[in-house]
Protein backbone atom coordinates (compact mmCIF):
# COMPACT_ATOMS: atom_id res chain seq x y z
CA UNK A 1 19.42 -18.59 10.65
CA UNK A 2 17.36 -15.33 10.89
CA UNK A 3 19.05 -12.51 11.52
CA UNK A 4 17.43 -8.88 12.82
CA UNK A 5 17.48 -6.32 10.51
CA UNK A 6 17.64 -2.18 11.98
CA UNK A 7 15.18 0.87 9.79
CA UNK A 8 16.06 3.32 9.31
CA UNK A 9 13.83 6.19 10.94
CA UNK A 10 14.44 9.06 8.05
CA UNK A 11 12.56 6.47 5.84
CA UNK A 12 9.42 6.25 8.11
CA UNK A 13 9.59 10.34 8.60
CA UNK A 14 6.62 13.02 6.83
CA UNK A 15 4.94 8.97 6.10
CA UNK A 16 1.31 8.59 6.47
CA UNK A 17 0.44 5.84 4.37
CA UNK A 18 3.14 4.16 2.51
CA UNK A 19 4.54 0.34 2.26
CA UNK A 20 9.06 -0.05 3.10
CA UNK A 21 10.69 -2.72 0.70
CA UNK A 22 14.13 -2.90 1.45
CA UNK A 23 16.78 -5.35 -0.32
CA UNK A 24 20.13 -6.35 -0.30
CA UNK A 25 22.77 -4.46 0.32
CA UNK A 26 24.50 -3.39 -3.00
CA UNK A 27 25.14 -0.66 -4.20
CA UNK A 28 22.85 2.00 -6.09
CA UNK A 29 23.22 0.73 -9.41
CA UNK A 30 21.37 -2.45 -10.22
CA UNK A 31 17.47 -1.18 -10.31
CA UNK A 32 15.40 -1.74 -7.88
CA UNK A 33 13.28 -4.99 -9.29
CA UNK A 34 16.62 -6.25 -9.23
CA UNK A 35 17.54 -6.04 -5.49
CA UNK A 36 17.00 -9.28 -4.17
CA UNK A 37 14.56 -7.90 -1.53
CA UNK A 38 14.79 -8.39 3.11
CA UNK A 39 11.04 -7.13 4.12
CA UNK A 40 8.40 -5.79 2.93
CA UNK A 41 6.67 -3.76 5.57
CA UNK A 42 3.11 -1.05 6.45
CA UNK A 43 3.79 2.57 7.34
CA UNK A 44 1.22 4.19 9.15
CA UNK A 45 1.70 7.35 10.78
CA UNK A 46 4.82 7.39 10.23
CA UNK A 47 5.60 3.82 12.90
CA UNK A 48 6.00 0.41 11.10
CA UNK A 49 3.51 -1.47 11.65
CA UNK A 50 3.54 -4.42 10.04
CA UNK A 51 6.40 -7.00 9.11
CA UNK A 52 7.89 -9.42 7.57
CA UNK A 53 4.80 -10.02 4.26
CA UNK A 54 6.61 -11.12 1.83
CA UNK A 55 5.91 -9.42 -1.27
CA UNK A 56 4.28 -5.59 -2.08
CA UNK A 57 0.87 -7.56 -3.24
CA UNK A 58 0.67 -9.08 0.16
CA UNK A 59 1.77 -5.61 1.98
CA UNK A 60 -0.98 -3.19 0.26
CA UNK A 61 -3.26 -6.35 0.85
CA UNK A 62 -2.67 -5.48 4.73
CA UNK A 63 -2.69 -1.84 4.00
CA UNK A 64 -5.93 -1.78 2.51
CA UNK A 65 -6.99 -3.32 5.20
CA UNK A 66 -6.03 -1.65 7.85
CA UNK A 67 -7.08 1.74 6.59
CA UNK A 68 -10.03 0.08 6.35
CA UNK A 69 -10.51 -1.18 9.83
CA UNK A 70 -9.00 1.52 11.16
CA UNK A 71 -10.44 3.74 9.33
CA UNK A 72 -7.96 6.45 8.91
CA UNK A 73 -7.76 9.02 5.67
CA UNK A 74 -7.16 8.81 3.06
CA UNK A 75 -4.64 10.83 2.52
CA UNK A 76 -5.89 13.75 0.30
CA UNK A 77 -4.23 13.61 -3.13
CA UNK A 78 -4.58 9.92 -3.52
CA UNK A 79 -7.94 9.90 -1.62
CA UNK A 80 -10.18 8.59 -5.29
CA UNK A 81 -7.40 6.13 -6.20
CA UNK A 82 -7.51 4.69 -2.70
CA UNK A 83 -11.68 4.34 -2.56
CA UNK A 84 -11.52 2.75 -6.86
CA UNK A 85 -9.27 0.22 -5.28
CA UNK A 86 -11.22 -0.40 -1.80
CA UNK A 87 -14.66 -0.26 -3.18
CA UNK A 88 -13.96 -1.66 -6.99
CA UNK A 89 -11.13 -3.87 -7.47
CA UNK A 90 -11.00 -5.17 -4.02
CA UNK A 91 -15.28 -5.08 -3.10
CA UNK A 92 -14.90 -3.88 0.32
CA UNK A 93 -17.83 -0.96 1.51
CA UNK A 94 -18.88 -1.14 -1.99
CA UNK A 95 -22.22 -0.38 -1.94
CA UNK A 96 -22.27 3.56 -1.05
CA UNK A 97 -19.33 4.86 -3.06
CA UNK A 98 -18.36 9.06 -4.65
CA UNK A 99 -19.95 10.13 -7.51
CA UNK A 100 -16.26 10.08 -8.68
CA UNK A 101 -15.72 6.58 -8.19
CA UNK A 102 -19.14 5.00 -9.01
CA UNK A 103 -18.70 7.11 -12.35
CA UNK A 104 -15.20 5.76 -12.95
CA UNK A 105 -16.99 1.95 -12.37
CA UNK A 106 -19.66 2.04 -14.17
CA UNK A 107 -17.63 3.20 -17.54
CA UNK A 108 -14.55 0.24 -16.61
CA UNK A 109 -17.93 -2.37 -16.50
CA UNK A 110 -19.36 -0.66 -19.56
CA UNK A 111 -15.85 -0.61 -21.68
CA UNK A 112 -15.75 -4.39 -20.61
CA UNK A 113 -19.32 -5.54 -22.12
C-alpha cells in the first residue's frame, strides 16, 4: 500500500537548486544517515520537480541532467563545483570548460599518470 506524503513548503523556501531527503519520523536523537529514507526529491526554483528518486545518487544525476537540459544557471557560489562535476566527472559538455575547471582537470589527470 502506497502512503501519500505531504511535504512542508518551508523545506523548499529559498532553495533554488537542491536535493530534498525525507526521512522517517523518529526524533532528533538518531543521525540522518541512520534513518530510513522515505523519499528523495529534486528542487528547482523552490519547487519539487521530481519525486520518488529512490536514493541520493539518482537524485543528484537527475538534478545535473535537469540543470543541463533546462539551461539553468548554477548557483553563483557553487558555479565551478557544478561545472567540474558536469564536465569532468559526468562528461556532459566537456568540450568547453572554463579556465579554472580545465586547469583542475589537467591537474587531476597528471596526478593519475
